[in-house]
N, C-alpha and C. Protein backbone atom coordinates (compact mmCIF):
# COMPACT_ATOMS: atom_id res chain seq x y z
N UNK A 1 -23.55 188.65 58.04
CA UNK A 1 -24.87 188.69 58.67
C UNK A 1 -25.45 187.27 58.73
N UNK A 2 -25.92 186.88 59.89
CA UNK A 2 -26.44 185.53 60.07
C UNK A 2 -27.74 185.37 59.31
N UNK A 3 -27.93 184.18 58.74
CA UNK A 3 -29.15 183.92 58.00
C UNK A 3 -30.31 183.65 58.95
N UNK A 4 -31.50 183.70 58.39
CA UNK A 4 -32.70 183.45 59.18
C UNK A 4 -32.74 181.98 59.60
N UNK A 5 -33.10 181.71 60.85
CA UNK A 5 -33.15 180.34 61.34
C UNK A 5 -34.20 179.55 60.58
N UNK A 6 -33.84 178.37 60.13
CA UNK A 6 -34.76 177.55 59.35
C UNK A 6 -35.90 177.05 60.23
N UNK A 7 -37.10 177.01 59.65
CA UNK A 7 -38.26 176.49 60.35
C UNK A 7 -38.16 174.98 60.47
N UNK A 8 -38.33 174.46 61.66
CA UNK A 8 -38.25 173.03 61.91
C UNK A 8 -39.66 172.53 62.23
N UNK A 9 -40.29 171.88 61.24
CA UNK A 9 -41.66 171.42 61.40
C UNK A 9 -41.79 170.40 62.52
N UNK A 10 -40.79 169.55 62.68
CA UNK A 10 -40.84 168.51 63.70
C UNK A 10 -40.88 169.14 65.10
N UNK A 11 -40.05 170.13 65.31
CA UNK A 11 -40.04 170.83 66.61
C UNK A 11 -41.37 171.54 66.84
N UNK A 12 -41.91 172.13 65.79
CA UNK A 12 -43.17 172.86 65.90
C UNK A 12 -44.32 171.91 66.25
N UNK A 13 -44.36 170.76 65.61
CA UNK A 13 -45.43 169.79 65.89
C UNK A 13 -45.31 169.26 67.31
N UNK A 14 -44.10 169.04 67.76
CA UNK A 14 -43.88 168.61 69.15
C UNK A 14 -44.43 169.64 70.13
N UNK A 15 -44.15 170.90 69.86
CA UNK A 15 -44.64 171.96 70.73
C UNK A 15 -46.16 172.02 70.71
N UNK A 16 -46.76 171.86 69.54
CA UNK A 16 -48.21 171.88 69.42
C UNK A 16 -48.83 170.71 70.16
N UNK A 17 -48.22 169.54 70.04
CA UNK A 17 -48.73 168.36 70.73
C UNK A 17 -48.81 168.59 72.24
N UNK A 18 -47.79 169.22 72.79
CA UNK A 18 -47.78 169.49 74.23
C UNK A 18 -48.87 170.48 74.61
N UNK A 19 -49.14 171.43 73.75
CA UNK A 19 -50.23 172.39 74.02
C UNK A 19 -51.57 171.67 74.01
N UNK A 20 -51.84 170.88 72.98
CA UNK A 20 -53.10 170.14 72.91
C UNK A 20 -53.24 169.20 74.10
N UNK A 21 -52.15 168.58 74.47
CA UNK A 21 -52.14 167.62 75.58
C UNK A 21 -52.46 168.32 76.90
N UNK A 22 -51.91 169.49 77.09
CA UNK A 22 -52.12 170.23 78.34
C UNK A 22 -53.49 170.90 78.39
N UNK A 23 -53.93 171.49 77.28
CA UNK A 23 -55.12 172.34 77.29
C UNK A 23 -56.35 171.70 76.66
N UNK A 24 -56.15 170.67 75.84
CA UNK A 24 -57.27 170.10 75.10
C UNK A 24 -57.47 170.85 73.79
N UNK A 25 -58.22 170.25 72.89
CA UNK A 25 -58.42 170.83 71.56
C UNK A 25 -59.14 172.17 71.62
N UNK A 26 -60.25 172.22 72.33
CA UNK A 26 -61.08 173.43 72.33
C UNK A 26 -60.35 174.65 72.88
N UNK A 27 -59.53 174.45 73.90
CA UNK A 27 -58.85 175.58 74.55
C UNK A 27 -57.47 175.88 73.96
N UNK A 28 -57.13 175.20 72.89
CA UNK A 28 -55.85 175.47 72.22
C UNK A 28 -56.12 176.35 71.00
N UNK A 29 -56.08 177.64 71.20
CA UNK A 29 -56.37 178.56 70.10
C UNK A 29 -55.18 178.65 69.15
N UNK A 30 -55.44 179.19 67.97
CA UNK A 30 -54.36 179.39 67.00
C UNK A 30 -53.27 180.27 67.58
N UNK A 31 -53.65 181.29 68.32
CA UNK A 31 -52.67 182.20 68.91
C UNK A 31 -51.81 181.49 69.95
N UNK A 32 -52.43 180.65 70.79
CA UNK A 32 -51.69 179.91 71.80
C UNK A 32 -50.76 178.90 71.13
N UNK A 33 -51.28 178.20 70.14
CA UNK A 33 -50.46 177.23 69.42
C UNK A 33 -49.30 177.92 68.71
N UNK A 34 -49.62 179.01 68.02
CA UNK A 34 -48.58 179.74 67.29
C UNK A 34 -47.48 180.24 68.19
N UNK A 35 -47.86 180.73 69.36
CA UNK A 35 -46.85 181.23 70.31
C UNK A 35 -45.91 180.10 70.74
N UNK A 36 -46.50 178.92 71.02
CA UNK A 36 -45.68 177.79 71.44
C UNK A 36 -44.79 177.29 70.31
N UNK A 37 -45.28 177.40 69.08
CA UNK A 37 -44.56 176.88 67.92
C UNK A 37 -43.61 177.90 67.31
N UNK A 38 -43.72 179.15 67.77
CA UNK A 38 -42.89 180.21 67.20
C UNK A 38 -43.35 180.65 65.82
N UNK A 39 -44.67 180.61 65.60
CA UNK A 39 -45.23 180.95 64.30
C UNK A 39 -46.31 182.01 64.42
N UNK A 40 -46.35 182.93 63.47
CA UNK A 40 -47.46 183.85 63.36
C UNK A 40 -48.62 183.16 62.68
N UNK A 41 -49.78 183.81 62.64
CA UNK A 41 -50.97 183.19 62.06
C UNK A 41 -50.76 182.78 60.60
N UNK A 42 -50.22 183.65 59.79
CA UNK A 42 -50.07 183.34 58.37
C UNK A 42 -49.09 182.18 58.17
N UNK A 43 -48.02 182.16 58.95
CA UNK A 43 -47.06 181.07 58.85
C UNK A 43 -47.67 179.76 59.32
N UNK A 44 -48.50 179.87 60.35
CA UNK A 44 -49.18 178.67 60.87
C UNK A 44 -50.04 178.05 59.78
N UNK A 45 -50.90 178.87 59.16
CA UNK A 45 -51.81 178.35 58.14
C UNK A 45 -51.05 177.85 56.92
N UNK A 46 -49.99 178.53 56.55
CA UNK A 46 -49.19 178.11 55.40
C UNK A 46 -48.53 176.76 55.64
N UNK A 47 -48.08 176.55 56.88
CA UNK A 47 -47.34 175.33 57.20
C UNK A 47 -48.25 174.14 57.52
N UNK A 48 -49.39 174.40 58.19
CA UNK A 48 -50.19 173.30 58.71
C UNK A 48 -51.65 173.29 58.26
N UNK A 49 -52.06 174.26 57.51
CA UNK A 49 -53.42 174.29 57.01
C UNK A 49 -54.41 174.86 58.00
N UNK A 50 -54.76 174.12 59.01
CA UNK A 50 -55.68 174.61 60.04
C UNK A 50 -55.45 173.84 61.33
N UNK A 51 -56.18 174.24 62.37
CA UNK A 51 -55.98 173.62 63.68
C UNK A 51 -56.36 172.15 63.67
N UNK A 52 -57.44 171.79 62.99
CA UNK A 52 -57.89 170.41 62.97
C UNK A 52 -56.84 169.50 62.33
N UNK A 53 -56.26 169.96 61.23
CA UNK A 53 -55.24 169.17 60.55
C UNK A 53 -54.01 168.98 61.43
N UNK A 54 -53.61 170.07 62.10
CA UNK A 54 -52.47 169.99 63.01
C UNK A 54 -52.76 169.05 64.16
N UNK A 55 -53.97 169.11 64.69
CA UNK A 55 -54.34 168.26 65.82
C UNK A 55 -54.23 166.79 65.45
N UNK A 56 -54.70 166.45 64.25
CA UNK A 56 -54.61 165.05 63.83
C UNK A 56 -53.16 164.62 63.65
N UNK A 57 -52.35 165.52 63.20
CA UNK A 57 -50.92 165.22 63.08
C UNK A 57 -50.31 164.98 64.46
N UNK A 58 -50.75 165.76 65.44
CA UNK A 58 -50.25 165.59 66.80
C UNK A 58 -50.75 164.28 67.42
N UNK A 59 -52.01 163.93 67.15
CA UNK A 59 -52.54 162.67 67.64
C UNK A 59 -51.73 161.50 67.07
N UNK A 60 -51.44 161.56 65.78
CA UNK A 60 -50.66 160.50 65.15
C UNK A 60 -49.27 160.40 65.77
N UNK A 61 -48.68 161.54 66.05
CA UNK A 61 -47.34 161.56 66.65
C UNK A 61 -47.38 160.93 68.04
N UNK A 62 -48.36 161.32 68.82
CA UNK A 62 -48.51 160.78 70.17
C UNK A 62 -48.74 159.27 70.12
N UNK A 63 -49.67 158.85 69.25
CA UNK A 63 -50.00 157.44 69.15
C UNK A 63 -48.82 156.60 68.72
N UNK A 64 -48.04 157.11 67.79
CA UNK A 64 -46.86 156.38 67.32
C UNK A 64 -45.81 156.28 68.41
N UNK A 65 -45.55 157.39 69.09
CA UNK A 65 -44.50 157.41 70.11
C UNK A 65 -44.79 156.42 71.24
N UNK A 66 -45.97 156.55 71.84
CA UNK A 66 -46.26 155.71 72.99
C UNK A 66 -46.71 154.31 72.57
N UNK A 67 -47.32 154.21 71.39
CA UNK A 67 -47.68 152.90 70.89
C UNK A 67 -46.47 152.01 70.72
N UNK A 68 -45.40 152.56 70.19
CA UNK A 68 -44.17 151.79 70.02
C UNK A 68 -43.60 151.36 71.36
N UNK A 69 -43.71 152.23 72.36
CA UNK A 69 -43.19 151.87 73.68
C UNK A 69 -44.02 150.75 74.32
N UNK A 70 -45.34 150.81 74.13
CA UNK A 70 -46.18 149.74 74.65
C UNK A 70 -45.89 148.42 73.95
N UNK A 71 -45.71 148.49 72.64
CA UNK A 71 -45.39 147.28 71.87
C UNK A 71 -44.10 146.65 72.37
N UNK A 72 -43.08 147.46 72.57
CA UNK A 72 -41.80 146.96 73.05
C UNK A 72 -41.93 146.35 74.44
N UNK A 73 -42.71 146.99 75.29
CA UNK A 73 -42.89 146.49 76.66
C UNK A 73 -43.58 145.13 76.65
N UNK A 74 -44.65 145.00 75.87
CA UNK A 74 -45.39 143.75 75.83
C UNK A 74 -44.58 142.64 75.17
N UNK A 75 -43.71 143.01 74.25
CA UNK A 75 -42.92 142.00 73.56
C UNK A 75 -41.62 141.64 74.24
N UNK A 76 -41.31 142.36 75.32
CA UNK A 76 -40.01 142.15 75.97
C UNK A 76 -39.98 140.92 76.86
N UNK A 77 -41.16 140.44 77.26
CA UNK A 77 -41.23 139.30 78.19
C UNK A 77 -42.25 138.30 77.68
N UNK A 78 -42.01 137.75 76.50
CA UNK A 78 -43.01 136.87 75.88
C UNK A 78 -43.28 135.60 76.68
N UNK A 79 -42.31 135.16 77.48
CA UNK A 79 -42.49 133.93 78.25
C UNK A 79 -43.06 134.18 79.65
N UNK A 80 -43.24 135.43 80.02
CA UNK A 80 -43.69 135.77 81.37
C UNK A 80 -44.79 136.83 81.25
N UNK A 81 -46.04 136.39 81.30
CA UNK A 81 -47.17 137.30 81.09
C UNK A 81 -47.20 138.40 82.15
N UNK A 82 -46.99 138.05 83.41
CA UNK A 82 -47.03 139.06 84.47
C UNK A 82 -45.96 140.14 84.22
N UNK A 83 -44.76 139.70 83.85
CA UNK A 83 -43.69 140.66 83.60
C UNK A 83 -44.02 141.56 82.41
N UNK A 84 -44.61 140.97 81.39
CA UNK A 84 -44.98 141.76 80.20
C UNK A 84 -46.03 142.80 80.54
N UNK A 85 -47.04 142.41 81.31
CA UNK A 85 -48.10 143.35 81.68
C UNK A 85 -47.57 144.43 82.63
N UNK A 86 -46.67 144.04 83.51
CA UNK A 86 -46.04 145.02 84.40
C UNK A 86 -45.25 146.04 83.59
N UNK A 87 -44.52 145.57 82.59
CA UNK A 87 -43.74 146.45 81.73
C UNK A 87 -44.67 147.39 80.96
N UNK A 88 -45.82 146.86 80.55
CA UNK A 88 -46.82 147.67 79.85
C UNK A 88 -47.24 148.86 80.72
N UNK A 89 -47.60 148.58 81.95
CA UNK A 89 -48.02 149.67 82.85
C UNK A 89 -46.86 150.59 83.20
N UNK A 90 -45.65 150.06 83.20
CA UNK A 90 -44.48 150.90 83.48
C UNK A 90 -44.35 152.02 82.44
N UNK A 91 -44.73 151.75 81.20
CA UNK A 91 -44.69 152.79 80.17
C UNK A 91 -45.58 153.96 80.57
N UNK A 92 -46.78 153.65 81.04
CA UNK A 92 -47.70 154.70 81.48
C UNK A 92 -47.18 155.43 82.70
N UNK A 93 -46.68 154.68 83.67
CA UNK A 93 -46.18 155.31 84.90
C UNK A 93 -44.96 156.19 84.61
N UNK A 94 -44.11 155.76 83.69
CA UNK A 94 -42.94 156.58 83.31
C UNK A 94 -43.37 157.85 82.59
N UNK A 95 -44.40 157.74 81.75
CA UNK A 95 -44.91 158.93 81.07
C UNK A 95 -45.49 159.91 82.08
N UNK A 96 -46.24 159.39 83.04
CA UNK A 96 -46.84 160.25 84.07
C UNK A 96 -45.75 160.95 84.88
N UNK A 97 -44.66 160.24 85.15
CA UNK A 97 -43.58 160.79 85.97
C UNK A 97 -42.66 161.73 85.20
N UNK A 98 -42.78 161.76 83.88
CA UNK A 98 -41.90 162.58 83.05
C UNK A 98 -42.23 164.06 83.24
N UNK A 99 -41.31 164.86 83.77
CA UNK A 99 -41.61 166.27 84.03
C UNK A 99 -41.69 167.12 82.76
N UNK A 100 -41.29 166.56 81.63
CA UNK A 100 -41.27 167.32 80.38
C UNK A 100 -42.56 167.23 79.58
N UNK A 101 -43.51 166.41 80.05
CA UNK A 101 -44.78 166.30 79.35
C UNK A 101 -45.92 166.47 80.34
N UNK A 102 -47.10 166.87 79.86
CA UNK A 102 -48.25 166.99 80.77
C UNK A 102 -48.67 165.63 81.30
N UNK A 103 -49.38 165.64 82.40
CA UNK A 103 -49.94 164.40 82.91
C UNK A 103 -51.18 164.05 82.09
N UNK A 104 -51.71 162.86 82.31
CA UNK A 104 -52.87 162.44 81.54
C UNK A 104 -52.46 161.80 80.24
N UNK A 105 -53.42 161.63 79.34
CA UNK A 105 -53.21 160.97 78.05
C UNK A 105 -53.92 161.77 76.98
N UNK A 106 -53.20 162.19 75.97
CA UNK A 106 -53.79 162.99 74.90
C UNK A 106 -54.92 162.23 74.20
N UNK A 107 -54.74 160.94 73.99
CA UNK A 107 -55.78 160.16 73.31
C UNK A 107 -57.03 160.04 74.17
N UNK A 108 -56.85 159.68 75.43
CA UNK A 108 -58.00 159.50 76.32
C UNK A 108 -58.79 160.80 76.48
N UNK A 109 -58.11 161.90 76.69
CA UNK A 109 -58.83 163.15 76.88
C UNK A 109 -59.49 163.62 75.58
N UNK A 110 -58.93 163.20 74.45
CA UNK A 110 -59.54 163.55 73.16
C UNK A 110 -60.81 162.74 72.94
N UNK A 111 -60.80 161.47 73.36
CA UNK A 111 -62.00 160.65 73.25
C UNK A 111 -63.11 161.24 74.13
N UNK A 112 -62.75 161.66 75.33
CA UNK A 112 -63.74 162.27 76.23
C UNK A 112 -64.34 163.52 75.60
N UNK A 113 -63.50 164.29 74.91
CA UNK A 113 -63.95 165.54 74.29
C UNK A 113 -64.43 165.36 72.86
N UNK A 114 -64.65 164.11 72.43
CA UNK A 114 -64.96 163.86 71.02
C UNK A 114 -66.17 164.62 70.48
N UNK A 115 -67.20 164.92 71.30
CA UNK A 115 -68.32 165.70 70.75
C UNK A 115 -67.90 167.09 70.27
N UNK A 116 -66.79 167.60 70.79
CA UNK A 116 -66.34 168.95 70.39
C UNK A 116 -65.25 168.89 69.32
N UNK A 117 -64.84 167.70 68.92
CA UNK A 117 -63.77 167.55 67.94
C UNK A 117 -64.34 167.44 66.52
N UNK A 118 -63.54 167.80 65.52
CA UNK A 118 -63.93 167.47 64.14
C UNK A 118 -64.12 165.96 64.04
N UNK A 119 -65.07 165.53 63.21
CA UNK A 119 -65.42 164.11 63.15
C UNK A 119 -64.21 163.23 62.84
N UNK A 120 -63.35 163.67 61.92
CA UNK A 120 -62.19 162.86 61.56
C UNK A 120 -61.22 162.71 62.72
N UNK A 121 -61.07 163.76 63.53
CA UNK A 121 -60.18 163.70 64.68
C UNK A 121 -60.77 162.81 65.77
N UNK A 122 -62.09 162.88 65.96
CA UNK A 122 -62.74 162.02 66.95
C UNK A 122 -62.59 160.56 66.57
N UNK A 123 -62.73 160.24 65.28
CA UNK A 123 -62.57 158.86 64.82
C UNK A 123 -61.13 158.40 64.99
N UNK A 124 -60.19 159.29 64.75
CA UNK A 124 -58.78 158.94 64.91
C UNK A 124 -58.47 158.63 66.37
N UNK A 125 -58.97 159.46 67.28
CA UNK A 125 -58.73 159.24 68.71
C UNK A 125 -59.35 157.92 69.16
N UNK A 126 -60.56 157.64 68.68
CA UNK A 126 -61.24 156.39 69.04
C UNK A 126 -60.43 155.18 68.55
N UNK A 127 -59.90 155.28 67.34
CA UNK A 127 -59.11 154.18 66.79
C UNK A 127 -57.82 153.96 67.58
N UNK A 128 -57.19 155.06 67.98
CA UNK A 128 -55.96 154.95 68.76
C UNK A 128 -56.23 154.32 70.12
N UNK A 129 -57.35 154.68 70.73
CA UNK A 129 -57.70 154.08 72.02
C UNK A 129 -57.98 152.59 71.84
N UNK A 130 -58.66 152.23 70.77
CA UNK A 130 -58.95 150.83 70.50
C UNK A 130 -57.70 150.01 70.25
N UNK A 131 -56.68 150.65 69.70
CA UNK A 131 -55.44 149.92 69.42
C UNK A 131 -54.76 149.45 70.69
N UNK A 132 -55.04 150.13 71.79
CA UNK A 132 -54.45 149.70 73.07
C UNK A 132 -54.96 148.32 73.45
N UNK A 133 -56.24 148.12 73.34
CA UNK A 133 -56.83 146.82 73.65
C UNK A 133 -56.30 145.76 72.68
N UNK A 134 -56.18 146.12 71.41
CA UNK A 134 -55.73 145.16 70.40
C UNK A 134 -54.30 144.69 70.66
N UNK A 135 -53.42 145.63 71.06
CA UNK A 135 -52.03 145.21 71.27
C UNK A 135 -51.89 144.32 72.50
N UNK A 136 -52.72 144.56 73.52
CA UNK A 136 -52.69 143.67 74.69
C UNK A 136 -53.23 142.29 74.30
N UNK A 137 -54.33 142.28 73.55
CA UNK A 137 -54.90 141.01 73.09
C UNK A 137 -53.88 140.21 72.30
N UNK A 138 -53.18 140.89 71.40
CA UNK A 138 -52.17 140.23 70.57
C UNK A 138 -51.08 139.61 71.43
N UNK A 139 -50.64 140.34 72.45
CA UNK A 139 -49.60 139.83 73.34
C UNK A 139 -50.08 138.60 74.11
N UNK A 140 -51.32 138.64 74.58
CA UNK A 140 -51.86 137.50 75.33
C UNK A 140 -52.05 136.29 74.42
N UNK A 141 -52.50 136.53 73.21
CA UNK A 141 -52.63 135.43 72.25
C UNK A 141 -51.28 134.78 71.99
N UNK A 142 -50.25 135.62 71.88
CA UNK A 142 -48.90 135.11 71.66
C UNK A 142 -48.39 134.29 72.82
N UNK A 143 -48.96 134.52 74.00
CA UNK A 143 -48.56 133.75 75.19
C UNK A 143 -49.42 132.50 75.36
N UNK A 144 -50.29 132.23 74.38
CA UNK A 144 -51.08 131.02 74.42
C UNK A 144 -52.43 131.15 75.10
N UNK A 145 -52.87 132.37 75.38
CA UNK A 145 -54.17 132.58 76.01
C UNK A 145 -55.26 132.43 74.95
N UNK A 146 -56.36 131.81 75.30
CA UNK A 146 -57.47 131.63 74.37
C UNK A 146 -58.01 132.99 73.93
N UNK A 147 -58.52 133.05 72.71
CA UNK A 147 -58.93 134.33 72.12
C UNK A 147 -59.97 135.08 72.94
N UNK A 148 -61.03 134.38 73.38
CA UNK A 148 -62.08 135.06 74.13
C UNK A 148 -61.56 135.59 75.46
N UNK A 149 -60.71 134.82 76.10
CA UNK A 149 -60.11 135.25 77.37
C UNK A 149 -59.17 136.42 77.15
N UNK A 150 -58.36 136.33 76.12
CA UNK A 150 -57.40 137.40 75.83
C UNK A 150 -58.11 138.72 75.60
N UNK A 151 -59.21 138.69 74.86
CA UNK A 151 -59.92 139.93 74.55
C UNK A 151 -60.57 140.51 75.80
N UNK A 152 -61.16 139.66 76.64
CA UNK A 152 -61.80 140.14 77.87
C UNK A 152 -60.77 140.76 78.82
N UNK A 153 -59.67 140.07 79.01
CA UNK A 153 -58.63 140.57 79.92
C UNK A 153 -58.00 141.84 79.36
N UNK A 154 -57.82 141.89 78.05
CA UNK A 154 -57.25 143.09 77.43
C UNK A 154 -58.14 144.30 77.65
N UNK A 155 -59.45 144.10 77.58
CA UNK A 155 -60.38 145.21 77.83
C UNK A 155 -60.22 145.73 79.25
N UNK A 156 -60.12 144.82 80.22
CA UNK A 156 -59.94 145.22 81.62
C UNK A 156 -58.64 146.01 81.81
N UNK A 157 -57.57 145.52 81.19
CA UNK A 157 -56.28 146.17 81.35
C UNK A 157 -56.24 147.53 80.65
N UNK A 158 -56.83 147.61 79.47
CA UNK A 158 -56.86 148.89 78.76
C UNK A 158 -57.65 149.92 79.55
N UNK A 159 -58.75 149.47 80.17
CA UNK A 159 -59.55 150.39 80.99
C UNK A 159 -58.76 150.86 82.20
N UNK A 160 -58.04 149.94 82.84
CA UNK A 160 -57.22 150.32 84.00
C UNK A 160 -56.13 151.29 83.59
N UNK A 161 -55.56 151.06 82.42
CA UNK A 161 -54.49 151.95 81.94
C UNK A 161 -55.01 153.37 81.72
N UNK A 162 -56.20 153.47 81.15
CA UNK A 162 -56.77 154.80 80.94
C UNK A 162 -57.17 155.46 82.25
N UNK A 163 -57.56 154.64 83.24
CA UNK A 163 -57.88 155.22 84.55
C UNK A 163 -56.66 155.88 85.16
N UNK A 164 -55.47 155.33 84.89
CA UNK A 164 -54.25 155.94 85.40
C UNK A 164 -54.06 157.34 84.80
N UNK A 165 -54.41 157.49 83.52
CA UNK A 165 -54.28 158.80 82.87
C UNK A 165 -55.15 159.83 83.57
N UNK A 166 -56.37 159.42 83.94
CA UNK A 166 -57.28 160.34 84.64
C UNK A 166 -56.77 160.60 86.06
N UNK A 167 -56.43 159.54 86.76
CA UNK A 167 -55.98 159.68 88.15
C UNK A 167 -54.70 160.49 88.27
N UNK A 168 -53.88 160.48 87.23
CA UNK A 168 -52.62 161.22 87.29
C UNK A 168 -52.85 162.72 87.36
N UNK A 169 -54.04 163.16 86.98
CA UNK A 169 -54.36 164.59 87.04
C UNK A 169 -55.07 164.96 88.34
N UNK A 170 -55.15 164.01 89.26
CA UNK A 170 -55.70 164.28 90.57
C UNK A 170 -54.55 164.36 91.58
N UNK A 171 -54.90 164.39 92.85
CA UNK A 171 -53.87 164.48 93.90
C UNK A 171 -53.32 163.12 94.30
N UNK A 172 -53.74 162.05 93.63
CA UNK A 172 -53.25 160.72 93.98
C UNK A 172 -51.73 160.67 93.82
N UNK A 173 -51.07 160.09 94.81
CA UNK A 173 -49.61 160.04 94.82
C UNK A 173 -49.07 159.05 93.79
N UNK A 174 -47.77 159.15 93.55
CA UNK A 174 -47.09 158.20 92.67
C UNK A 174 -47.28 156.77 93.19
N UNK A 175 -47.18 156.62 94.50
CA UNK A 175 -47.36 155.30 95.10
C UNK A 175 -48.78 154.78 94.86
N UNK A 176 -49.73 155.68 94.92
CA UNK A 176 -51.11 155.28 94.66
C UNK A 176 -51.32 154.83 93.23
N UNK A 177 -50.72 155.55 92.29
CA UNK A 177 -50.81 155.18 90.87
C UNK A 177 -50.16 153.82 90.63
N UNK A 178 -49.01 153.61 91.26
CA UNK A 178 -48.33 152.32 91.11
C UNK A 178 -49.17 151.19 91.69
N UNK A 179 -49.88 151.48 92.78
CA UNK A 179 -50.73 150.46 93.40
C UNK A 179 -51.89 150.09 92.47
N UNK A 180 -52.44 151.07 91.78
CA UNK A 180 -53.52 150.80 90.82
C UNK A 180 -53.01 149.88 89.72
N UNK A 181 -51.81 150.16 89.20
CA UNK A 181 -51.23 149.33 88.14
C UNK A 181 -50.98 147.91 88.63
N UNK A 182 -50.42 147.78 89.83
CA UNK A 182 -50.15 146.44 90.37
C UNK A 182 -51.44 145.65 90.56
N UNK A 183 -52.47 146.33 91.04
CA UNK A 183 -53.76 145.67 91.26
C UNK A 183 -54.35 145.19 89.94
N UNK A 184 -54.20 146.00 88.90
CA UNK A 184 -54.72 145.61 87.59
C UNK A 184 -54.02 144.37 87.05
N UNK A 185 -52.69 144.31 87.22
CA UNK A 185 -51.94 143.15 86.76
C UNK A 185 -52.32 141.92 87.58
N UNK A 186 -52.44 142.07 88.89
CA UNK A 186 -52.81 140.93 89.75
C UNK A 186 -54.20 140.41 89.40
N UNK A 187 -55.14 141.33 89.15
CA UNK A 187 -56.50 140.91 88.79
C UNK A 187 -56.50 140.18 87.45
N UNK A 188 -55.69 140.66 86.52
CA UNK A 188 -55.59 140.00 85.22
C UNK A 188 -55.02 138.60 85.36
N UNK A 189 -53.98 138.45 86.16
CA UNK A 189 -53.37 137.14 86.34
C UNK A 189 -54.34 136.16 87.02
N UNK A 190 -55.11 136.67 87.97
CA UNK A 190 -56.11 135.83 88.63
C UNK A 190 -57.17 135.37 87.63
N UNK A 191 -57.59 136.28 86.79
CA UNK A 191 -58.59 135.95 85.76
C UNK A 191 -58.04 134.93 84.77
N UNK A 192 -56.80 135.10 84.37
CA UNK A 192 -56.18 134.17 83.43
C UNK A 192 -56.07 132.77 84.03
N UNK A 193 -55.67 132.70 85.28
CA UNK A 193 -55.55 131.39 85.94
C UNK A 193 -56.93 130.74 86.07
N UNK A 194 -57.93 131.55 86.42
CA UNK A 194 -59.29 131.03 86.59
C UNK A 194 -59.83 130.48 85.27
N UNK A 195 -59.61 131.20 84.19
CA UNK A 195 -60.12 130.77 82.89
C UNK A 195 -59.42 129.50 82.42
N UNK A 196 -58.16 129.35 82.75
CA UNK A 196 -57.43 128.15 82.34
C UNK A 196 -57.90 126.93 83.13
N UNK A 197 -58.25 127.15 84.40
CA UNK A 197 -58.73 126.05 85.21
C UNK A 197 -60.18 125.70 84.89
N UNK A 198 -60.91 126.69 84.36
CA UNK A 198 -62.33 126.48 84.06
C UNK A 198 -62.61 126.91 82.62
N UNK A 199 -62.14 126.15 81.65
CA UNK A 199 -62.30 126.53 80.24
C UNK A 199 -63.76 126.57 79.82
């Protein structure tokens, strides 16, 4: 007789993350989450405590996964700022194009919904969103950009990146999304050149 299949927490958290990403925190009920994770209510609570705790675990998973990809993209072209920024946006465009995950950004939509989130989850989402600006700033500093300029340009780029997450849930085409990313990189490069010429 075959034994009972072992519970795989990693697979379950991945499934939960996709539910939260697609539906948002408020509309992801325990029953919906449990169905996606293959868990009944009692097993859910025994394994993960409660929905808020699971949500924070999913946020951390999302932030780590895509944060590492952004870090690699920005660090891949240290001598070519335009190429590094283009690679940064490519991470977002590839995520949007991935048919296995929802469109949009789990962190961005969580920040938007922060008034309905547990306080600790709202703070976590805010910190993850802020880390986007910090990693761009760090990359620009590494390329020799002055600190004040790097921070200003990083804010512009982080904002453009989050706009892609929102636009990806509209009818805007893939070509349109790519055009937004290209425009953001071009505007950043223009700003960087201007600041260097006019310190």
